[in-house]
Amino acid sequence: MLIAESELNRGQLLQEWESMSAGVRGLAERTRSFSSMASSAASLVTGLWRCRRGRSKPAAEKLSWIDTLLKYVRLAPSIGLAFRASADKEESK
């Protein structure tokens, strides 16, 4: 009788452990997803801030339109990579 009860308890413990493990994995995945989105947003804000920071200079110190264009072209790949990484992580779910 004790052996049967022990087996029942072991089975119940395994079910509870699997349920708890699934919950922890789900929480970890949501945390990674949020972290990825926050990182992408931070990269975007930082990039935009850096581009706009140069606009407060006096007219004599301002960049030409070609320099400004090149500045944005150099920034585009980093923003694209940040969003692509975020999208790849979302698709891999």
Protein backbone atom coordinates (compact mmCIF):
# COMPACT_ATOMS: atom_id res chain seq x y z
CA MET A 1 0.00 0.00 0.00
CA LEU A 2 2.83 2.44 0.86
CA ILE A 3 4.65 1.61 -2.36
CA ALA A 4 1.56 2.43 -4.45
CA GLU A 5 1.06 5.71 -2.57
CA SER A 6 4.74 6.56 -3.06
CA GLU A 7 4.43 5.96 -6.83
CA LEU A 8 1.36 8.21 -6.97
CA ASN A 9 3.22 10.95 -5.09
CA ARG A 10 6.21 10.61 -7.42
CA GLY A 11 3.98 10.92 -10.49
CA GLN A 12 2.26 14.00 -9.04
CA LEU A 13 5.61 15.57 -8.18
CA LEU A 14 6.86 15.00 -11.76
CA GLN A 15 3.71 16.64 -13.19
CA GLU A 16 4.10 19.64 -10.90
CA TRP A 17 7.79 19.93 -11.79
CA GLU A 18 7.03 19.86 -15.53
CA SER A 19 4.30 22.47 -15.09
CA MET A 20 6.62 24.73 -13.11
CA SER A 21 9.43 24.28 -15.66
CA ALA A 22 7.10 25.22 -18.52
CA GLY A 23 6.07 28.37 -16.64
CA VAL A 24 9.67 29.39 -16.04
CA ARG A 25 10.57 28.77 -19.72
CA GLY A 26 7.61 30.91 -20.80
CA LEU A 27 8.66 33.72 -18.48
CA ALA A 28 12.24 33.55 -19.75
CA GLU A 29 11.05 33.73 -23.37
CA ARG A 30 8.83 36.76 -22.67
CA THR A 31 11.75 38.44 -20.89
CA ARG A 32 14.07 37.83 -23.86
CA SER A 33 11.44 39.14 -26.27
CA PHE A 34 10.90 42.29 -24.22
CA SER A 35 14.64 42.74 -23.84
CA SER A 36 15.10 42.48 -27.60
CA MET A 37 12.40 45.06 -28.29
CA ALA A 38 13.78 47.42 -25.65
CA SER A 39 17.26 47.09 -27.14
CA SER A 40 15.97 47.86 -30.63
CA ALA A 41 14.02 50.86 -29.39
CA ALA A 42 17.05 52.15 -27.49
CA SER A 43 19.22 51.79 -30.61
CA LEU A 44 16.68 53.70 -32.67
CA VAL A 45 16.36 56.50 -30.11
CA THR A 46 20.13 56.77 -29.74
CA GLY A 47 20.63 56.89 -33.49
CA LEU A 48 17.99 59.54 -33.98
CA TRP A 49 19.34 61.56 -31.07
CA ARG A 50 22.83 61.48 -32.56
CA CYS A 51 21.54 62.66 -35.93
CA ARG A 52 19.47 65.46 -34.47
CA ARG A 53 22.20 66.56 -32.06
CA GLY A 54 24.11 68.18 -34.94
CA ARG A 55 21.20 70.43 -35.92
CA SER A 56 21.72 72.97 -33.17
CA LYS A 57 25.05 74.18 -34.59
CA PRO A 58 25.37 77.67 -36.05
CA ALA A 59 24.95 77.99 -39.83
CA ALA A 60 28.71 78.25 -40.43
CA GLU A 61 29.31 74.92 -38.67
CA LYS A 62 26.39 72.99 -40.17
CA LEU A 63 27.05 70.04 -42.44
CA SER A 64 26.27 70.20 -46.12
CA TRP A 65 23.27 68.24 -47.33
CA ILE A 66 25.59 65.59 -48.76
CA ASP A 67 27.31 65.13 -45.39
CA THR A 68 23.91 64.92 -43.69
CA LEU A 69 22.76 62.33 -46.22
CA LEU A 70 25.90 60.26 -45.70
CA LYS A 71 25.39 60.47 -41.95
CA TYR A 72 21.89 58.98 -42.29
CA VAL A 73 23.11 56.34 -44.76
CA ARG A 74 25.75 55.23 -42.23
CA LEU A 75 23.10 55.05 -39.51
CA ALA A 76 20.59 53.00 -41.56
CA PRO A 77 22.39 49.62 -41.39
CA SER A 78 22.62 49.66 -37.60
CA ILE A 79 18.92 50.45 -37.27
CA GLY A 80 18.09 47.79 -39.86
CA LEU A 81 20.18 45.19 -38.04
CA ALA A 82 18.51 45.99 -34.73
CA PHE A 83 15.03 45.56 -36.17
CA ARG A 84 16.00 42.48 -38.18
CA ALA A 85 17.41 40.83 -35.03
CA SER A 86 14.20 41.62 -33.20
CA ALA A 87 12.08 40.19 -36.02
CA ASP A 88 14.22 37.05 -36.24
CA LYS A 89 13.78 36.40 -32.55
CA GLU A 90 10.01 36.83 -32.87
CA GLU A 91 9.89 34.40 -35.83
CA SER A 92 11.95 31.75 -34.03
CA LYS A 93 9.26 31.32 -31.38
